[in-house]
Protein backbone atom coordinates (compact mmCIF):
# COMPACT_ATOMS: atom_id res chain seq x y z
CA MET A 1 103.28 -17.44 -27.27
CA ARG A 2 105.94 -19.03 -24.98
CA PHE A 3 108.46 -17.26 -27.21
CA PHE A 4 107.09 -13.91 -26.64
CA THR A 5 106.45 -14.24 -22.72
CA PHE A 6 110.19 -15.55 -22.34
CA PHE A 7 111.58 -12.40 -24.67
CA LEU A 8 109.57 -10.42 -22.27
CA MET A 9 110.73 -11.72 -19.17
CA PHE A 10 114.24 -11.72 -20.41
CA LEU A 11 113.85 -7.57 -21.20
CA ILE A 12 112.54 -6.83 -17.72
CA SER A 13 115.06 -8.96 -16.19
CA HIS A 14 117.76 -6.85 -18.26
CA ALA A 15 116.17 -3.64 -17.40
CA THR A 16 116.24 -4.93 -13.67
CA ALA A 17 119.97 -5.47 -13.87
CA ASN A 18 120.82 -2.55 -15.59
CA ALA A 19 119.00 -0.47 -12.87
CA GLN A 20 120.72 -2.41 -10.15
CA ASN A 21 124.29 -1.87 -11.82
CA GLU A 22 123.39 1.84 -12.05
CA GLU A 23 122.72 2.17 -8.49
CA ILE A 24 125.55 0.32 -7.14
CA SER A 25 128.03 1.75 -10.35
CA PRO A 26 131.10 3.75 -8.95
CA ASN A 27 130.29 6.50 -11.33
CA ARG A 28 126.83 6.67 -10.26
CA TYR A 29 126.13 8.76 -6.87
CA ARG A 30 122.54 8.42 -5.15
CA PHE A 31 121.52 10.19 -1.60
CA LYS A 32 118.21 11.71 -0.11
CA TYR A 33 118.44 14.89 1.50
CA ARG A 34 115.05 15.76 2.99
CA SER A 35 112.46 15.21 0.18
CA THR A 36 114.99 15.17 -2.59
CA VAL A 37 116.59 12.12 -4.30
CA TYR A 38 119.68 13.13 -5.99
CA LYS A 39 120.97 10.45 -8.26
CA GLY A 40 123.22 10.52 -11.26
CA SER A 41 126.99 11.17 -12.33
CA LYS A 42 128.80 13.40 -10.19
CA LEU A 43 128.53 15.71 -12.84
CA GLN A 44 124.87 15.62 -12.96
CA ILE A 45 124.65 16.27 -9.46
CA THR A 46 127.39 18.90 -8.97
CA ALA A 47 125.16 20.95 -11.59
CA GLN A 48 122.33 20.33 -9.47
CA LEU A 49 124.15 21.88 -6.29
CA ARG A 50 125.35 24.52 -8.13
CA SER A 51 121.89 25.65 -9.62
CA LEU A 52 120.63 25.69 -6.04
CA LYS A 53 123.56 28.00 -5.13
CA THR A 54 123.06 30.53 -8.32
CA SER A 55 119.09 30.54 -7.99
CA SER A 56 117.60 34.08 -7.70
CA LYS A 57 116.32 33.31 -3.94
CA PHE A 58 120.18 34.14 -3.25
CA THR A 59 120.63 37.36 -5.08
CA GLY A 60 122.15 40.15 -2.88
CA ILE A 61 123.31 37.46 -0.30
CA PRO A 62 126.00 38.85 2.04
CA GLU A 63 129.64 38.32 0.71
CA GLU A 64 130.62 36.39 3.89
CA ILE A 65 127.79 33.74 3.73
CA GLN A 66 128.27 33.46 0.04
CA GLU A 67 131.82 32.77 0.57
CA GLU A 68 130.67 30.05 3.04
CA LEU A 69 128.55 28.45 0.59
CA ASN A 70 131.11 28.78 -2.21
CA THR A 71 133.81 27.10 0.32
CA LEU A 72 131.47 24.04 1.13
CA PHE A 73 130.46 23.71 -2.65
CA ILE A 74 134.12 23.46 -3.89
CA ALA A 75 134.91 21.26 -1.21
CA THR A 76 131.73 19.18 -2.31
CA LYS A 77 132.93 19.19 -5.70
CA LYS A 78 136.58 17.86 -5.18
CA GLN A 79 135.34 14.54 -3.52
CA ALA A 80 135.85 12.07 -5.67
CA ILE A 81 134.46 9.00 -3.30
CA PRO A 82 130.85 8.86 -3.25
CA LYS A 83 129.96 8.47 0.44
CA TYR A 84 132.42 11.04 1.39
CA TYR A 85 130.83 13.31 -1.62
CA LYS A 86 127.53 12.97 -0.21
CA LYS A 87 129.15 13.76 3.53
CA HIS A 88 130.00 16.96 2.07
CA ALA A 89 127.17 17.63 -0.56
CA ILE A 90 124.76 17.13 2.65
CA LEU A 91 126.63 19.95 4.86
CA PHE A 92 126.59 22.08 1.67
CA LEU A 93 122.62 21.52 1.58
CA ASP A 94 122.39 22.21 5.27
CA ALA A 95 124.09 25.66 4.71
CA ILE A 96 121.85 26.34 1.84
CA ASN A 97 118.70 25.67 3.80
CA ASP A 98 119.63 27.32 6.90
CA TYR A 99 120.27 30.37 4.98
CA GLU A 100 116.83 30.04 3.10
CA ASP A 101 115.12 29.59 6.54
CA PHE A 102 117.20 32.76 7.71
CA ALA A 103 115.94 34.41 4.54
CA ASN A 104 112.44 33.88 5.33
CA VAL A 105 112.66 35.21 8.80
CA TYR A 106 114.81 38.01 7.22
CA GLU A 107 112.44 39.46 4.95
CA ASN A 108 109.06 38.79 7.16
CA ALA A 109 110.89 40.98 9.83
CA LEU A 110 112.17 43.54 7.32
CA HIS A 111 108.64 43.76 5.90
CA GLU A 112 107.19 44.34 9.25
CA ALA A 113 109.79 47.19 10.05
CA VAL A 114 108.95 48.76 6.72
CA ARG A 115 104.94 48.29 7.42
CA LYS A 116 105.79 49.98 11.26
CA VAL A 117 107.87 53.00 9.79
CA LYS A 118 105.19 53.45 6.83
CA LYS A 119 102.62 53.95 9.75
CA ASP A 120 104.72 55.99 12.17
CA ILE A 121 105.61 58.27 9.40
CA HIS A 122 102.28 59.76 9.00
CA VAL A 123 101.47 59.93 12.82
CA VAL A 124 104.56 62.35 13.14
CA ASP A 125 104.60 64.13 10.02
CA PHE A 126 102.71 66.81 11.61
CA LYS A 127 104.82 66.95 14.73
CA PHE A 128 107.66 67.74 13.00
CA GLU A 129 106.08 70.33 10.80
CA ARG A 130 104.90 72.08 14.14
CA GLN A 131 108.15 71.91 15.22
CA PHE A 132 109.72 73.58 12.39
CA THR A 133 107.00 76.34 12.34
CA LYS A 134 107.35 77.11 15.88
CA ALA A 135 111.37 77.37 15.76
CA LYS A 136 110.70 79.82 12.87
CA VAL A 137 108.33 81.79 14.83
CA ALA A 138 110.52 82.14 17.45
CA LEU A 139 113.54 83.23 15.54
CA ASP A 140 111.24 85.83 13.55
CA ARG A 141 110.17 87.23 16.69
CA ALA A 142 113.68 87.55 18.17
CA LEU A 143 114.82 89.20 14.87
CA LYS A 144 111.97 91.82 15.36
CA GLU A 145 113.10 92.74 18.78
CA ASP A 146 116.27 94.31 20.04
CA PHE A 147 118.21 91.21 20.46
CA SER A 148 121.59 91.51 21.65
CA ASP A 149 122.17 87.80 23.25
CA LEU A 150 123.84 86.07 20.56
CA GLU A 151 124.25 82.95 22.38
CA LYS A 152 120.51 82.56 22.34
CA PHE A 153 119.84 83.96 18.70
CA ASP A 154 122.30 81.30 17.45
CA LYS A 155 120.59 78.57 19.02
CA LEU A 156 117.33 79.63 17.87
CA LYS A 157 118.88 79.92 14.50
CA LYS A 158 120.18 76.08 14.85
CA GLU A 159 116.66 75.04 16.16
CA LEU A 160 115.38 76.16 13.10
CA GLN A 161 117.89 74.58 10.71
CA ASP A 162 117.95 71.75 12.56
CA SER A 163 113.64 71.09 12.66
CA GLN A 164 113.66 72.30 8.81
CA THR A 165 116.25 69.54 7.69
CA LYS A 166 114.40 67.03 9.86
CA LEU A 167 111.13 68.00 8.25
CA LEU A 168 112.56 67.86 4.81
CA CYS A 169 114.20 64.33 5.44
CA HIS A 170 111.25 63.21 6.83
CA ARG A 171 108.96 64.12 3.93
CA TRP A 172 111.60 62.50 1.36
CA MET A 173 111.33 59.50 3.49
CA LYS A 174 107.81 59.80 3.48
CA LYS A 175 107.55 59.76 -0.26
CA LYS A 176 109.63 56.63 -0.23
CA PHE A 177 108.12 54.58 1.83
CA GLU A 178 104.19 55.30 0.56
CA LYS A 179 105.66 53.48 -2.66
CA TYR A 180 106.05 50.15 -0.48
CA LYS A 181 103.10 48.64 -0.83
CA SER A 182 103.58 45.09 -0.22
CA ILE A 183 106.31 42.43 0.84
CA ASP A 184 107.65 42.65 -2.95
CA ILE A 185 109.76 45.64 -1.49
CA VAL A 186 111.85 42.91 0.02
CA LYS A 187 111.32 39.99 -2.17
CA LYS A 188 112.32 42.27 -5.00
CA PRO A 189 113.77 45.36 -3.37
CA ASP A 190 114.73 48.77 -5.29
CA GLN A 191 118.14 49.91 -5.15
CA LEU A 192 117.53 51.60 -1.88
CA MET A 193 116.29 48.64 -0.23
CA MET A 194 118.65 46.41 -1.84
CA THR A 195 121.15 48.39 -0.02
CA PHE A 196 119.92 48.51 3.19
CA LYS A 197 119.14 44.67 3.02
CA LYS A 198 122.61 43.64 2.12
CA SER A 199 124.13 46.10 4.90
CA GLU A 200 121.98 44.57 7.80
CA ALA A 201 122.00 40.96 6.79
CA ILE A 202 125.01 39.85 8.92
CA SER A 203 123.92 41.59 11.54
CA VAL A 204 120.60 39.99 11.44
CA TYR A 205 121.98 36.65 10.91
CA LYS A 206 123.95 37.05 13.86
CA MET A 207 120.71 37.60 15.98
CA TYR A 208 119.33 34.87 14.20
CA ASN A 209 121.78 32.43 14.78
CA GLU A 210 121.74 33.70 18.73
CA ASN A 211 118.21 33.13 18.72
CA ARG A 212 117.11 36.83 18.97
CA ILE A 213 114.75 36.47 16.70
CA GLU A 214 111.90 38.40 18.15
CA LYS A 215 114.41 41.45 18.38
CA ILE A 216 114.87 41.61 14.84
CA PRO A 217 111.78 43.60 13.73
CA SER A 218 112.53 46.47 16.42
CA TYR A 219 116.34 46.20 15.31
CA LEU A 220 115.50 46.99 11.69
CA GLU A 221 112.82 49.53 12.20
CA ASN A 222 115.66 51.59 14.17
CA GLN A 223 118.20 50.81 11.35
CA ILE A 224 116.19 51.57 8.43
CA ILE A 225 115.14 55.03 9.89
CA ASP A 226 118.77 55.51 10.51
CA PHE A 227 119.92 54.59 6.86
CA TYR A 228 116.99 56.28 5.10
CA TYR A 229 117.64 59.18 7.03
CA LYS A 230 121.19 60.06 5.74
CA LYS A 231 120.63 58.84 2.55
CA SER A 232 117.78 61.79 2.42
CA LEU A 233 120.82 64.41 3.32
CA PRO A 234 122.14 65.14 0.18
CA GLU A 235 118.69 64.87 -1.70
CA ILE A 236 116.99 67.39 0.21
CA ASN A 237 116.61 71.02 -0.91
CA PRO A 238 116.32 73.91 2.09
CA GLU A 239 114.93 76.16 -0.22
CA ILE A 240 111.58 73.76 -1.28
CA LEU A 241 109.64 73.24 1.86
CA ASP A 242 105.66 72.64 1.54
CA LEU A 243 104.01 73.23 4.36
CA GLN A 244 100.89 70.65 4.56
CA TYR A 245 99.02 71.47 7.86
CA ILE A 246 100.17 75.37 8.99
CA THR A 247 99.58 77.86 6.40
CA LYS A 248 100.44 81.00 8.01
CA ILE A 249 103.59 81.76 10.35
């Protein structure tokens, strides 16, 4: 019995000594960041840091920010002394977490902008159709008259073309936004939304760092309307226009 007790104490003390040696070993790294403890070999911790950088939440990250993270990651990886490795790793983790915080603000603001545009699209739909029909009636009336004022005729023709383009683009956008049902459209965006999201990320990131967070949704609302409008121009067909409110013009 005494031998068993002695043997058990020996195993415990040996395990404790190994653990202590592991903690103080120059080949072992250990530090805490927020609620996460990073410990292990330099290779193991570097792999953990790399997995953070390459996780799905950083898909579509702007190139400028990606370069910053890569620079910090490479600087960390190069450190051979644990205390310097820890210092650089924390700088890298700060940048990662700062971008995550920004990404949450950005996605929520973008979702708010999408919801606002989606709501307004239905409100102005009748307005754009009425503008088109009024322009067409005005031009048709001018064509029936003995119209010698070519400048006025050209103006009416341009007003009709502009109102038609505006209505067609609006209807194209309306179809797109009607498919956007939840915040998934900004978290798992389609190609069009992904392009927009990437194109505005740096500008929004600047606003975020300047503490102008409350202005981000309205900024994105204006930008997304302009972006989708321009994308719609090569897609519309002036020969195909269905009037939804006014059946006779």
